[in-house]
Every structure is written in C-alpha cells, then in structure tokens.
C-alpha cells in the first residue's frame, strides 16, 4: 500500500475520525480508560502519544528498507522507546504536575498497540511524508477521543471542564463518572453516538 501526497486528506480523516483508534478500532483502551478522568489529562496523554507516533513513524519509514524482516518488531520497539523516553523526561521537566498524574502510563506508551500498530501497518510500507502525516492524524484522533471522554467524565463527575465550573448549583455531579466504572459507561455512550453520526453521514452521502 503506497500513499502519495495527494492522499493526505484521506490519511488525515482516517486517523482523526473514519478509523479512529478508540471510537472505531477500539485500540489503546488501557490508557484511554485509565487517564481520562478529566479533559486536561486526556488531551495531555493524547498529545504525548502523538509526539511518539510522529517521531517513530518518521524514523521507521526512513529506515524501513534497512531493517531485516526477522528483527523488525524489536527494532520498532527500540525506536518507539527512544521517543517515549524523550517525552517522559520532557514532561517531567516542563509539566511536572501533569506528569505525576499520568504516571506509569507515559512509559507504557511503548506497549501501546496504537503506536506499534501504525509502525507495522503504515510506516513500514509508506513514504516518510505519508508516515509523518499518519502519525499526526492518528495522534490527533487519539487526543480527540481522550479529550471527549475526559471532558464528558469531568463534567458529569465533577461539574467542571478543564477545572472550571460549568454547571449550575442545581446540578449534582455523579461521582461514578470519575471512577473506573464511569469510564466504561461514558465510553459506551460516546461510541454509540459516534456510530449514529457515521450512519447518518453515510445515509446523507448515498
């Protein structure tokens, strides 16, 4: 599968929405459910993952013809781990509070099936430009999904959005939405909504 620059729009839309790794492919569920207790946490995790996706996709595409097929997965993991180390140390230095909240889930980006999957399925088979675009699009789609889920849980569970109160005094937050069960409940309803939107778009296009 070779993607030319003329297909940039399709690559972007696939990563952002049409094949969104959370809402459509149901990948990366561990960090999605664990860190999405607020909009800020979700977007922070998504942007960290996007940095790793952009860097690893680009490098793997550059060296794809030099990697022996029998060691390709270990090589991908080494490249991914290098970018995870960079973002982990950078966040610890410049956004320490967010780094403490996300905790172990930043190093665990190495094992995120979204990142390794894009390396194997896309970056290893396409140009550097297309792979970089795919990394950005997939990362933005992941950030969008975590931001929507985190924002939903924050509003329903705490009555705030990015830490600012957005509900009136008559609204009583439901604590369950900031607890683990609330992640499953909120994500389930969001996925139903996404699928209804996609069905309506397909009906309008036909």
N, C-alpha and C. Protein backbone atom coordinates (compact mmCIF):
# COMPACT_ATOMS: atom_id res chain seq x y z
N UNK A 1 0.86 -1.19 0.00
CA UNK A 1 0.00 0.00 0.00
C UNK A 1 0.89 1.23 0.00
N UNK A 2 0.83 2.00 -1.03
CA UNK A 2 1.64 3.21 -1.13
C UNK A 2 0.73 4.42 -1.17
N UNK A 3 1.02 5.40 -0.33
CA UNK A 3 0.18 6.58 -0.22
C UNK A 3 0.95 7.79 -0.73
N UNK A 4 0.43 8.48 -1.71
CA UNK A 4 1.06 9.68 -2.25
C UNK A 4 0.59 10.89 -1.49
N UNK A 5 1.24 12.01 -1.75
CA UNK A 5 0.90 13.24 -1.05
C UNK A 5 -0.52 13.70 -1.37
N UNK A 6 -1.04 13.29 -2.54
CA UNK A 6 -2.40 13.68 -2.91
C UNK A 6 -3.44 13.02 -2.01
N UNK A 7 -3.05 11.99 -1.30
CA UNK A 7 -3.99 11.30 -0.42
C UNK A 7 -3.88 11.78 1.03
N UNK A 8 -3.22 12.92 1.22
CA UNK A 8 -3.02 13.43 2.58
C UNK A 8 -4.34 13.63 3.30
N UNK A 9 -5.32 14.15 2.61
CA UNK A 9 -6.62 14.40 3.24
C UNK A 9 -7.25 13.10 3.75
N UNK A 10 -7.16 12.05 2.94
CA UNK A 10 -7.73 10.77 3.36
C UNK A 10 -7.00 10.21 4.59
N UNK A 11 -5.68 10.31 4.59
CA UNK A 11 -4.90 9.84 5.73
C UNK A 11 -5.29 10.60 6.99
N UNK A 12 -5.46 11.91 6.86
CA UNK A 12 -5.84 12.74 8.00
C UNK A 12 -7.22 12.36 8.52
N UNK A 13 -8.18 12.20 7.61
CA UNK A 13 -9.54 11.88 8.04
C UNK A 13 -9.64 10.48 8.64
N UNK A 14 -8.84 9.54 8.10
CA UNK A 14 -8.84 8.19 8.66
C UNK A 14 -8.36 8.21 10.10
N UNK A 15 -7.25 8.91 10.34
CA UNK A 15 -6.70 8.97 11.69
C UNK A 15 -7.56 9.74 12.67
N UNK A 16 -8.13 10.83 12.18
CA UNK A 16 -8.93 11.68 13.06
C UNK A 16 -10.29 11.07 13.37
N UNK A 17 -10.96 10.50 12.36
CA UNK A 17 -12.35 10.11 12.59
C UNK A 17 -12.73 8.76 11.98
N UNK A 18 -12.55 8.60 10.67
CA UNK A 18 -13.09 7.42 9.98
C UNK A 18 -12.58 6.11 10.57
N UNK A 19 -11.29 6.06 10.93
CA UNK A 19 -10.71 4.85 11.54
C UNK A 19 -10.09 5.20 12.89
N UNK A 20 -10.77 6.07 13.63
CA UNK A 20 -10.26 6.49 14.94
C UNK A 20 -9.94 5.26 15.80
N UNK A 21 -8.74 5.25 16.36
CA UNK A 21 -8.28 4.06 17.08
C UNK A 21 -9.11 3.73 18.31
N UNK A 22 -9.74 4.72 18.92
CA UNK A 22 -10.56 4.48 20.11
C UNK A 22 -12.00 4.23 19.73
N UNK A 23 -12.60 5.14 18.99
CA UNK A 23 -14.03 5.07 18.71
C UNK A 23 -14.40 4.00 17.68
N UNK A 24 -13.49 3.68 16.77
CA UNK A 24 -13.80 2.73 15.70
C UNK A 24 -13.07 1.40 15.90
N UNK A 25 -11.75 1.47 16.10
CA UNK A 25 -10.97 0.23 16.20
C UNK A 25 -10.86 -0.32 17.62
N UNK A 26 -11.24 0.48 18.60
CA UNK A 26 -11.23 0.05 20.00
C UNK A 26 -9.83 -0.39 20.44
N UNK A 27 -8.81 0.39 20.09
CA UNK A 27 -7.44 0.11 20.48
C UNK A 27 -7.00 1.11 21.55
N UNK A 28 -5.94 0.76 22.27
CA UNK A 28 -5.41 1.65 23.30
C UNK A 28 -6.37 1.88 24.45
N UNK A 29 -7.14 0.85 24.79
CA UNK A 29 -8.16 1.01 25.82
C UNK A 29 -7.60 1.23 27.23
N UNK A 30 -6.41 0.69 27.50
CA UNK A 30 -5.85 0.82 28.85
C UNK A 30 -5.62 2.29 29.23
N UNK A 31 -4.82 3.06 28.47
CA UNK A 31 -4.67 4.48 28.82
C UNK A 31 -5.95 5.27 28.63
N UNK A 32 -6.75 4.88 27.63
CA UNK A 32 -7.99 5.61 27.37
C UNK A 32 -8.90 5.61 28.60
N UNK A 33 -9.08 4.46 29.20
CA UNK A 33 -9.97 4.34 30.35
C UNK A 33 -9.30 4.82 31.65
N UNK A 34 -7.99 4.68 31.73
CA UNK A 34 -7.31 4.95 33.00
C UNK A 34 -7.06 6.43 33.25
N UNK A 35 -6.67 7.18 32.22
CA UNK A 35 -6.23 8.56 32.47
C UNK A 35 -7.27 9.61 32.09
N UNK A 36 -8.41 9.18 31.55
CA UNK A 36 -9.41 10.14 31.05
C UNK A 36 -10.37 10.62 32.13
N UNK A 37 -9.85 10.90 33.32
CA UNK A 37 -10.70 11.40 34.40
C UNK A 37 -11.02 12.88 34.23
N UNK A 38 -10.28 13.56 33.36
CA UNK A 38 -10.55 14.97 33.07
C UNK A 38 -10.11 15.27 31.65
N UNK A 39 -10.59 16.38 31.12
CA UNK A 39 -10.23 16.77 29.76
C UNK A 39 -8.74 17.03 29.63
N UNK A 40 -8.16 17.70 30.62
CA UNK A 40 -6.74 18.03 30.57
C UNK A 40 -5.88 16.78 30.58
N UNK A 41 -6.23 15.82 31.44
CA UNK A 41 -5.46 14.58 31.50
C UNK A 41 -5.55 13.81 30.18
N UNK A 42 -6.76 13.74 29.63
CA UNK A 42 -6.95 13.01 28.38
C UNK A 42 -6.17 13.62 27.23
N UNK A 43 -6.28 14.93 27.08
CA UNK A 43 -5.57 15.60 25.98
C UNK A 43 -4.07 15.54 26.20
N UNK A 44 -3.62 15.66 27.44
CA UNK A 44 -2.19 15.55 27.73
C UNK A 44 -1.63 14.21 27.31
N UNK A 45 -2.35 13.14 27.65
CA UNK A 45 -1.92 11.80 27.26
C UNK A 45 -1.96 11.64 25.74
N UNK A 46 -3.00 12.19 25.12
CA UNK A 46 -3.12 12.08 23.67
C UNK A 46 -1.99 12.80 22.94
N UNK A 47 -1.62 13.98 23.40
CA UNK A 47 -0.54 14.73 22.75
C UNK A 47 0.81 14.07 22.95
N UNK A 48 1.01 13.47 24.13
CA UNK A 48 2.25 12.72 24.36
C UNK A 48 2.35 11.56 23.40
N UNK A 49 1.23 10.87 23.20
CA UNK A 49 1.21 9.74 22.27
C UNK A 49 1.41 10.22 20.84
N UNK A 50 0.86 11.38 20.50
CA UNK A 50 1.04 11.92 19.15
C UNK A 50 2.51 12.21 18.88
N UNK A 51 3.23 12.76 19.86
CA UNK A 51 4.66 13.02 19.68
C UNK A 51 5.40 11.73 19.37
N UNK A 52 5.08 10.68 20.12
CA UNK A 52 5.74 9.38 19.89
C UNK A 52 5.37 8.83 18.53
N UNK A 53 4.10 8.93 18.15
CA UNK A 53 3.66 8.45 16.84
C UNK A 53 4.37 9.18 15.70
N UNK A 54 4.45 10.50 15.80
CA UNK A 54 5.10 11.29 14.75
C UNK A 54 6.57 10.91 14.63
N UNK A 55 7.26 10.85 15.76
CA UNK A 55 8.69 10.54 15.73
C UNK A 55 8.97 9.12 15.26
N UNK A 56 8.26 8.16 15.82
CA UNK A 56 8.53 6.75 15.48
C UNK A 56 8.11 6.45 14.04
N UNK A 57 6.97 6.96 13.61
CA UNK A 57 6.55 6.73 12.22
C UNK A 57 7.58 7.27 11.23
N UNK A 58 8.05 8.48 11.51
CA UNK A 58 9.00 9.12 10.60
C UNK A 58 10.31 8.34 10.52
N UNK A 59 10.86 7.99 11.67
CA UNK A 59 12.15 7.27 11.68
C UNK A 59 12.01 5.88 11.08
N UNK A 60 10.96 5.17 11.44
CA UNK A 60 10.78 3.81 10.92
C UNK A 60 10.60 3.83 9.40
N UNK A 61 9.88 4.83 8.89
CA UNK A 61 9.73 4.94 7.44
C UNK A 61 11.08 5.21 6.77
N UNK A 62 11.93 6.01 7.42
CA UNK A 62 13.24 6.33 6.86
C UNK A 62 14.15 5.11 6.78
N UNK A 63 14.05 4.22 7.77
CA UNK A 63 14.99 3.09 7.84
C UNK A 63 14.34 1.76 7.47
N UNK A 64 13.11 1.80 6.96
CA UNK A 64 12.35 0.56 6.75
C UNK A 64 13.05 -0.41 5.82
N UNK A 65 13.78 0.10 4.84
CA UNK A 65 14.46 -0.79 3.89
C UNK A 65 15.77 -1.35 4.44
N UNK A 66 16.20 -0.86 5.59
CA UNK A 66 17.44 -1.32 6.20
C UNK A 66 17.20 -2.34 7.30
N UNK A 67 15.94 -2.53 7.69
CA UNK A 67 15.62 -3.41 8.82
C UNK A 67 15.37 -4.83 8.32
N UNK A 68 16.13 -5.82 8.77
CA UNK A 68 15.82 -7.22 8.40
C UNK A 68 14.44 -7.60 8.91
N UNK A 69 13.72 -8.35 8.13
CA UNK A 69 12.33 -8.67 8.47
C UNK A 69 12.20 -9.44 9.77
N UNK A 70 13.21 -10.25 10.12
CA UNK A 70 13.09 -11.08 11.31
C UNK A 70 13.34 -10.32 12.61
N UNK A 71 13.82 -9.07 12.51
CA UNK A 71 14.02 -8.27 13.73
C UNK A 71 13.26 -6.94 13.66
N UNK A 72 12.28 -6.89 12.79
CA UNK A 72 11.60 -5.61 12.59
C UNK A 72 10.84 -5.15 13.85
N UNK A 73 10.14 -6.07 14.54
CA UNK A 73 9.37 -5.68 15.72
C UNK A 73 10.28 -5.19 16.84
N UNK A 74 11.37 -5.90 17.20
CA UNK A 74 12.28 -5.36 18.21
C UNK A 74 12.86 -4.00 17.82
N UNK A 75 13.14 -3.82 16.53
CA UNK A 75 13.65 -2.53 16.07
C UNK A 75 12.62 -1.44 16.26
N UNK A 76 11.37 -1.73 15.90
CA UNK A 76 10.31 -0.75 16.08
C UNK A 76 10.19 -0.36 17.56
N UNK A 77 10.26 -1.34 18.44
CA UNK A 77 10.11 -1.08 19.87
C UNK A 77 11.24 -0.20 20.38
N UNK A 78 12.47 -0.43 19.89
CA UNK A 78 13.61 0.41 20.31
C UNK A 78 13.40 1.85 19.87
N UNK A 79 12.95 2.04 18.62
CA UNK A 79 12.69 3.40 18.12
C UNK A 79 11.59 4.06 18.94
N UNK A 80 10.50 3.34 19.17
CA UNK A 80 9.39 3.88 19.95
C UNK A 80 9.85 4.23 21.37
N UNK A 81 10.63 3.35 21.98
CA UNK A 81 11.10 3.57 23.35
C UNK A 81 11.96 4.83 23.44
N UNK A 82 12.74 5.12 22.40
CA UNK A 82 13.57 6.32 22.40
C UNK A 82 12.70 7.57 22.48
N UNK A 83 11.63 7.62 21.69
CA UNK A 83 10.75 8.79 21.71
C UNK A 83 9.91 8.85 22.98
N UNK A 84 9.56 7.70 23.53
CA UNK A 84 8.84 7.69 24.81
C UNK A 84 9.73 8.26 25.91
N UNK A 85 11.01 7.91 25.90
CA UNK A 85 11.95 8.44 26.90
C UNK A 85 12.06 9.96 26.78
N UNK A 86 12.12 10.45 25.54
CA UNK A 86 12.21 11.90 25.32
C UNK A 86 10.98 12.61 25.89
N UNK A 87 9.78 12.12 25.57
CA UNK A 87 8.57 12.80 26.03
C UNK A 87 8.39 12.64 27.54
N UNK A 88 8.81 11.50 28.08
CA UNK A 88 8.70 11.27 29.52
C UNK A 88 9.57 12.27 30.29
N UNK A 89 10.82 12.40 29.89
CA UNK A 89 11.73 13.33 30.56
C UNK A 89 11.30 14.78 30.35
N UNK A 90 10.82 15.10 29.14
CA UNK A 90 10.39 16.48 28.85
C UNK A 90 9.17 16.87 29.68
N UNK A 91 8.20 15.97 29.78
CA UNK A 91 7.01 16.27 30.59
C UNK A 91 7.36 16.38 32.06
N UNK A 92 8.28 15.56 32.53
CA UNK A 92 8.70 15.63 33.92
C UNK A 92 9.37 16.96 34.22
N UNK A 93 10.06 17.50 33.22
CA UNK A 93 10.78 18.76 33.41
C UNK A 93 9.88 19.99 33.27
N UNK A 94 8.95 19.96 32.31
CA UNK A 94 8.20 21.17 31.97
C UNK A 94 6.73 21.16 32.40
N UNK A 95 6.12 19.99 32.53
CA UNK A 95 4.73 19.91 33.01
C UNK A 95 4.68 18.84 34.10
N UNK A 96 5.37 19.12 35.17
CA UNK A 96 5.59 18.10 36.21
C UNK A 96 4.28 17.63 36.84
N UNK A 97 3.35 18.55 37.07
CA UNK A 97 2.09 18.16 37.70
C UNK A 97 1.32 17.17 36.83
N UNK A 98 1.26 17.44 35.53
CA UNK A 98 0.58 16.52 34.61
C UNK A 98 1.34 15.19 34.54
N UNK A 99 2.65 15.27 34.55
CA UNK A 99 3.47 14.05 34.53
C UNK A 99 3.18 13.17 35.73
N UNK A 100 3.00 13.78 36.90
CA UNK A 100 2.70 12.99 38.10
C UNK A 100 1.33 12.33 38.00
N UNK A 101 0.37 13.02 37.39
CA UNK A 101 -0.97 12.46 37.27
C UNK A 101 -0.99 11.28 36.30
N UNK A 102 -0.32 11.44 35.17
CA UNK A 102 -0.32 10.38 34.15
C UNK A 102 0.55 9.21 34.58
N UNK A 103 1.59 9.48 35.34
CA UNK A 103 2.39 8.44 35.96
C UNK A 103 2.92 7.38 35.01
N UNK A 104 2.67 6.12 35.36
CA UNK A 104 3.22 4.98 34.65
C UNK A 104 2.70 4.88 33.23
N UNK A 105 1.59 5.55 32.91
CA UNK A 105 1.01 5.40 31.57
C UNK A 105 1.83 6.09 30.50
N UNK A 106 2.72 7.01 30.87
CA UNK A 106 3.62 7.60 29.86
C UNK A 106 4.66 6.58 29.40
N UNK A 107 5.42 5.95 30.31
CA UNK A 107 6.35 4.89 29.85
C UNK A 107 5.64 3.76 29.11
N UNK A 108 4.39 3.49 29.50
CA UNK A 108 3.67 2.38 28.87
C UNK A 108 3.22 2.68 27.44
N UNK A 109 3.48 3.90 26.96
CA UNK A 109 3.22 4.19 25.55
C UNK A 109 4.03 3.24 24.66
N UNK A 110 5.16 2.78 25.17
CA UNK A 110 5.98 1.81 24.42
C UNK A 110 5.16 0.59 24.04
N UNK A 111 4.29 0.17 24.93
CA UNK A 111 3.49 -1.04 24.69
C UNK A 111 2.12 -0.74 24.11
N UNK A 112 1.85 0.52 23.79
CA UNK A 112 0.54 0.88 23.25
C UNK A 112 0.39 0.29 21.85
N UNK A 113 -0.65 -0.50 21.66
CA UNK A 113 -0.85 -1.18 20.38
C UNK A 113 -1.13 -0.19 19.26
N UNK A 114 -1.60 1.01 19.59
CA UNK A 114 -1.83 2.03 18.56
C UNK A 114 -0.50 2.42 17.92
N UNK A 115 0.52 2.66 18.73
CA UNK A 115 1.82 3.10 18.22
C UNK A 115 2.51 2.00 17.43
N UNK A 116 2.59 0.81 18.01
CA UNK A 116 3.24 -0.30 17.32
C UNK A 116 2.46 -0.70 16.08
N UNK A 117 1.14 -0.62 16.15
CA UNK A 117 0.32 -0.97 15.00
C UNK A 117 0.56 -0.06 13.81
N UNK A 118 0.67 1.25 14.05
CA UNK A 118 0.91 2.19 12.95
C UNK A 118 2.30 1.99 12.37
N UNK A 119 3.27 1.63 13.21
CA UNK A 119 4.62 1.36 12.71
C UNK A 119 4.61 0.18 11.76
N UNK A 120 3.93 -0.89 12.15
CA UNK A 120 3.91 -2.12 11.36
C UNK A 120 3.02 -2.00 10.12
N UNK A 121 1.85 -1.41 10.29
CA UNK A 121 0.86 -1.39 9.20
C UNK A 121 1.11 -0.25 8.22
N UNK A 122 1.61 0.88 8.71
CA UNK A 122 1.70 2.06 7.85
C UNK A 122 3.14 2.51 7.60
N UNK A 123 3.87 2.87 8.67
CA UNK A 123 5.19 3.47 8.49
C UNK A 123 6.17 2.55 7.76
N UNK A 124 6.05 1.26 7.99
CA UNK A 124 6.97 0.31 7.34
C UNK A 124 6.66 0.10 5.87
N UNK A 125 5.60 0.71 5.36
CA UNK A 125 5.18 0.46 3.98
C UNK A 125 4.98 1.73 3.17
N UNK A 126 5.21 2.89 3.78
CA UNK A 126 4.91 4.14 3.09
C UNK A 126 6.05 5.14 3.19
N UNK A 127 5.90 6.24 2.47
CA UNK A 127 6.93 7.27 2.44
C UNK A 127 7.04 7.98 3.78
N UNK A 128 8.14 8.72 3.94
CA UNK A 128 8.36 9.47 5.17
C UNK A 128 7.26 10.52 5.36
N UNK A 129 6.92 11.21 4.29
CA UNK A 129 5.89 12.25 4.39
C UNK A 129 4.55 11.66 4.81
N UNK A 130 4.14 10.60 4.13
CA UNK A 130 2.85 9.97 4.44
C UNK A 130 2.85 9.42 5.86
N UNK A 131 3.97 8.86 6.30
CA UNK A 131 4.07 8.30 7.64
C UNK A 131 3.99 9.38 8.70
N UNK A 132 4.62 10.53 8.43
CA UNK A 132 4.54 11.65 9.37
C UNK A 132 3.10 12.16 9.48
N UNK A 133 2.43 12.27 8.32
CA UNK A 133 1.03 12.71 8.33
C UNK A 133 0.16 11.72 9.10
N UNK A 134 0.41 10.43 8.88
CA UNK A 134 -0.35 9.41 9.58
C UNK A 134 -0.11 9.49 11.09
N UNK A 135 1.13 9.73 11.50
CA UNK A 135 1.43 9.86 12.92
C UNK A 135 0.70 11.04 13.55
N UNK A 136 0.69 12.17 12.85
CA UNK A 136 -0.02 13.35 13.37
C UNK A 136 -1.52 13.08 13.43
N UNK A 137 -2.07 12.53 12.34
CA UNK A 137 -3.52 12.29 12.28
C UNK A 137 -3.97 11.28 13.33
N UNK A 138 -3.22 10.18 13.45
CA UNK A 138 -3.58 9.16 14.44
C UNK A 138 -3.46 9.73 15.85
N UNK A 139 -2.41 10.52 16.09
CA UNK A 139 -2.23 11.13 17.40
C UNK A 139 -3.31 12.14 17.73
N UNK A 140 -3.69 12.94 16.74
CA UNK A 140 -4.77 13.90 16.96
C UNK A 140 -6.09 13.18 17.20
N UNK A 141 -6.33 12.09 16.47
CA UNK A 141 -7.54 11.31 16.69
C UNK A 141 -7.57 10.71 18.08
N UNK A 142 -6.42 10.22 18.55
CA UNK A 142 -6.32 9.67 19.90
C UNK A 142 -6.56 10.77 20.94
N UNK A 143 -5.96 11.96 20.69
CA UNK A 143 -6.16 13.09 21.60
C UNK A 143 -7.62 13.53 21.63
N UNK A 144 -8.26 13.55 20.46
CA UNK A 144 -9.67 13.92 20.37
C UNK A 144 -10.53 12.96 21.19
N UNK A 145 -10.27 11.66 21.02
CA UNK A 145 -11.05 10.65 21.74
C UNK A 145 -10.87 10.78 23.25
N UNK A 146 -9.62 10.91 23.70
CA UNK A 146 -9.36 11.03 25.14
C UNK A 146 -9.89 12.35 25.69
N UNK A 147 -9.82 13.41 24.87
CA UNK A 147 -10.35 14.69 25.31
C UNK A 147 -11.86 14.68 25.47
N UNK A 148 -12.56 14.06 24.51
CA UNK A 148 -14.02 13.96 24.59
C UNK A 148 -14.43 13.12 25.79
N UNK A 149 -13.78 11.96 25.94
CA UNK A 149 -14.10 11.08 27.06
C UNK A 149 -13.76 11.74 28.38
N UNK A 150 -12.58 12.34 28.47
CA UNK A 150 -12.18 13.01 29.71
C UNK A 150 -13.08 14.19 30.05
N UNK A 151 -13.44 14.98 29.03
CA UNK A 151 -14.33 16.12 29.26
C UNK A 151 -15.70 15.68 29.72
N UNK A 152 -16.22 14.61 29.10
CA UNK A 152 -17.53 14.09 29.49
C UNK A 152 -17.52 13.62 30.94
N UNK A 153 -16.49 12.86 31.30
CA UNK A 153 -16.40 12.34 32.66
C UNK A 153 -16.21 13.48 33.67
N UNK A 154 -15.43 14.48 33.29
CA UNK A 154 -15.19 15.60 34.21
C UNK A 154 -16.46 16.40 34.45
N UNK A 155 -17.21 16.66 33.39
CA UNK A 155 -18.44 17.44 33.54
C UNK A 155 -19.48 16.67 34.37
N UNK A 156 -19.68 15.40 34.01
CA UNK A 156 -20.70 14.62 34.72
C UNK A 156 -20.27 14.23 36.12
N UNK A 157 -18.96 14.05 36.32
CA UNK A 157 -18.48 13.58 37.61
C UNK A 157 -18.06 14.66 38.58
N UNK A 158 -17.71 15.85 38.04
CA UNK A 158 -17.23 16.92 38.92
C UNK A 158 -17.91 18.26 38.65
N UNK A 159 -18.63 18.37 37.55
CA UNK A 159 -19.29 19.64 37.22
C UNK A 159 -18.33 20.70 36.72
N UNK A 160 -17.13 20.28 36.28
CA UNK A 160 -16.14 21.23 35.77
C UNK A 160 -15.66 20.81 34.40
N UNK A 161 -14.98 21.74 33.73
CA UNK A 161 -14.37 21.46 32.43
C UNK A 161 -13.04 22.19 32.40
N UNK A 162 -11.94 21.44 32.27
CA UNK A 162 -10.60 21.99 32.44
C UNK A 162 -10.46 22.69 33.79
N UNK A 163 -11.11 22.13 34.79
CA UNK A 163 -11.01 22.65 36.15
C UNK A 163 -11.92 23.82 36.46
N UNK A 164 -12.67 24.31 35.47
CA UNK A 164 -13.55 25.46 35.66
C UNK A 164 -14.99 24.99 35.79
N UNK A 165 -15.74 25.53 36.76
CA UNK A 165 -17.14 25.11 36.92
C UNK A 165 -17.98 25.50 35.71
N UNK A 166 -18.76 24.56 35.20
CA UNK A 166 -19.59 24.81 34.02
C UNK A 166 -21.05 24.45 34.25
N UNK A 167 -21.38 23.97 35.43
CA UNK A 167 -22.77 23.60 35.72
C UNK A 167 -23.31 24.48 36.84
N UNK A 168 -24.61 24.61 36.86
CA UNK A 168 -25.25 25.43 37.89
C UNK A 168 -25.33 24.72 39.23
N UNK A 169 -25.83 25.43 40.21
CA UNK A 169 -25.93 24.87 41.55
C UNK A 169 -26.94 23.73 41.63
N UNK A 170 -27.88 23.71 40.69
CA UNK A 170 -28.89 22.65 40.71
C UNK A 170 -28.35 21.31 40.20
N UNK A 171 -27.18 21.34 39.57
CA UNK A 171 -26.59 20.11 39.04
C UNK A 171 -25.81 19.39 40.13
N UNK A 172 -26.09 18.11 40.27
CA UNK A 172 -25.38 17.31 41.26
C UNK A 172 -24.50 16.29 40.54
N UNK A 173 -23.17 16.50 40.55
CA UNK A 173 -22.27 15.58 39.85
C UNK A 173 -22.40 14.15 40.36
N UNK A 174 -22.18 13.21 39.46
CA UNK A 174 -22.23 11.80 39.82
C UNK A 174 -20.80 11.27 39.94
N UNK A 175 -20.39 10.95 41.14
CA UNK A 175 -19.01 10.54 41.40
C UNK A 175 -18.60 9.33 40.58
N UNK A 176 -19.56 8.51 40.17
CA UNK A 176 -19.22 7.28 39.45
C UNK A 176 -18.45 7.58 38.16
N UNK A 177 -18.66 8.76 37.56
CA UNK A 177 -18.02 9.06 36.28
C UNK A 177 -16.53 9.38 36.41
N UNK A 178 -16.06 9.69 37.59
CA UNK A 178 -14.62 9.88 37.76
C UNK A 178 -13.97 8.63 38.35
N UNK A 179 -14.76 7.59 38.53
CA UNK A 179 -14.26 6.30 38.99
C UNK A 179 -14.17 5.35 37.78
N UNK A 180 -13.42 4.25 37.90
CA UNK A 180 -13.25 3.33 36.75
C UNK A 180 -14.54 2.89 36.07
N UNK A 181 -15.62 2.54 36.81
CA UNK A 181 -16.84 2.13 36.10
C UNK A 181 -17.40 3.22 35.19
N UNK A 182 -17.23 4.47 35.60
CA UNK A 182 -17.73 5.58 34.81
C UNK A 182 -17.06 5.69 33.46
N UNK A 183 -15.80 5.26 33.37
CA UNK A 183 -15.09 5.29 32.10
C UNK A 183 -15.77 4.38 31.09
N UNK A 184 -16.13 3.18 31.51
CA UNK A 184 -16.80 2.24 30.62
C UNK A 184 -18.17 2.76 30.20
N UNK A 185 -18.91 3.31 31.17
CA UNK A 185 -20.25 3.82 30.88
C UNK A 185 -20.20 4.96 29.88
N UNK A 186 -19.33 5.95 30.16
CA UNK A 186 -19.22 7.13 29.29
C UNK A 186 -18.73 6.74 27.90
N UNK A 187 -17.71 5.88 27.84
CA UNK A 187 -17.17 5.49 26.54
C UNK A 187 -18.23 4.74 25.72
N UNK A 188 -19.02 3.89 26.37
CA UNK A 188 -20.06 3.16 25.66
C UNK A 188 -21.06 4.09 24.99
N UNK A 189 -21.52 5.10 25.72
CA UNK A 189 -22.49 6.05 25.15
C UNK A 189 -21.86 6.90 24.05
N UNK A 190 -20.59 7.27 24.23
CA UNK A 190 -19.91 8.07 23.21
C UNK A 190 -19.75 7.27 21.91
N UNK A 191 -19.38 5.99 22.03
CA UNK A 191 -19.22 5.15 20.84
C UNK A 191 -20.55 5.00 20.11
N UNK A 192 -21.64 4.84 20.87
CA UNK A 192 -22.97 4.77 20.24
C UNK A 192 -23.24 6.06 19.47
N UNK A 193 -22.94 7.20 20.08
CA UNK A 193 -23.15 8.48 19.42
C UNK A 193 -22.32 8.62 18.15
N UNK A 194 -21.05 8.19 18.21
CA UNK A 194 -20.16 8.26 17.04
C UNK A 194 -20.71 7.40 15.91
N UNK A 195 -21.18 6.21 16.24
CA UNK A 195 -21.71 5.32 15.21
C UNK A 195 -22.99 5.86 14.59
N UNK A 196 -23.82 6.50 15.40
CA UNK A 196 -25.03 7.11 14.85
C UNK A 196 -24.68 8.25 13.90
N UNK A 197 -23.67 9.04 14.27
CA UNK A 197 -23.23 10.13 13.40
C UNK A 197 -22.70 9.57 12.08
N UNK A 198 -21.89 8.51 12.16
CA UNK A 198 -21.33 7.92 10.94
C UNK A 198 -22.42 7.32 10.05
N UNK A 199 -23.42 6.69 10.66
CA UNK A 199 -24.52 6.14 9.88
C UNK A 199 -25.30 7.24 9.17
N UNK A 200 -25.50 8.35 9.87
CA UNK A 200 -26.22 9.47 9.27
C UNK A 200 -25.43 10.08 8.13
N UNK A 201 -24.11 10.17 8.31
CA UNK A 201 -23.26 10.71 7.24
C UNK A 201 -23.30 9.82 6.00
N UNK A 202 -23.26 8.51 6.21
CA UNK A 202 -23.32 7.58 5.08
C UNK A 202 -24.65 7.67 4.37
N UNK A 203 -25.74 7.82 5.16
CA UNK A 203 -27.08 7.93 4.56
C UNK A 203 -27.20 9.20 3.73
N UNK A 204 -26.64 10.29 4.23
CA UNK A 204 -26.70 11.57 3.51
C UNK A 204 -25.85 11.55 2.25
N UNK A 205 -24.74 10.77 2.31
CA UNK A 205 -23.83 10.70 1.15
C UNK A 205 -24.38 9.81 0.04
N UNK A 206 -25.25 8.87 0.38
CA UNK A 206 -25.78 7.93 -0.63
C UNK A 206 -26.98 8.51 -1.37
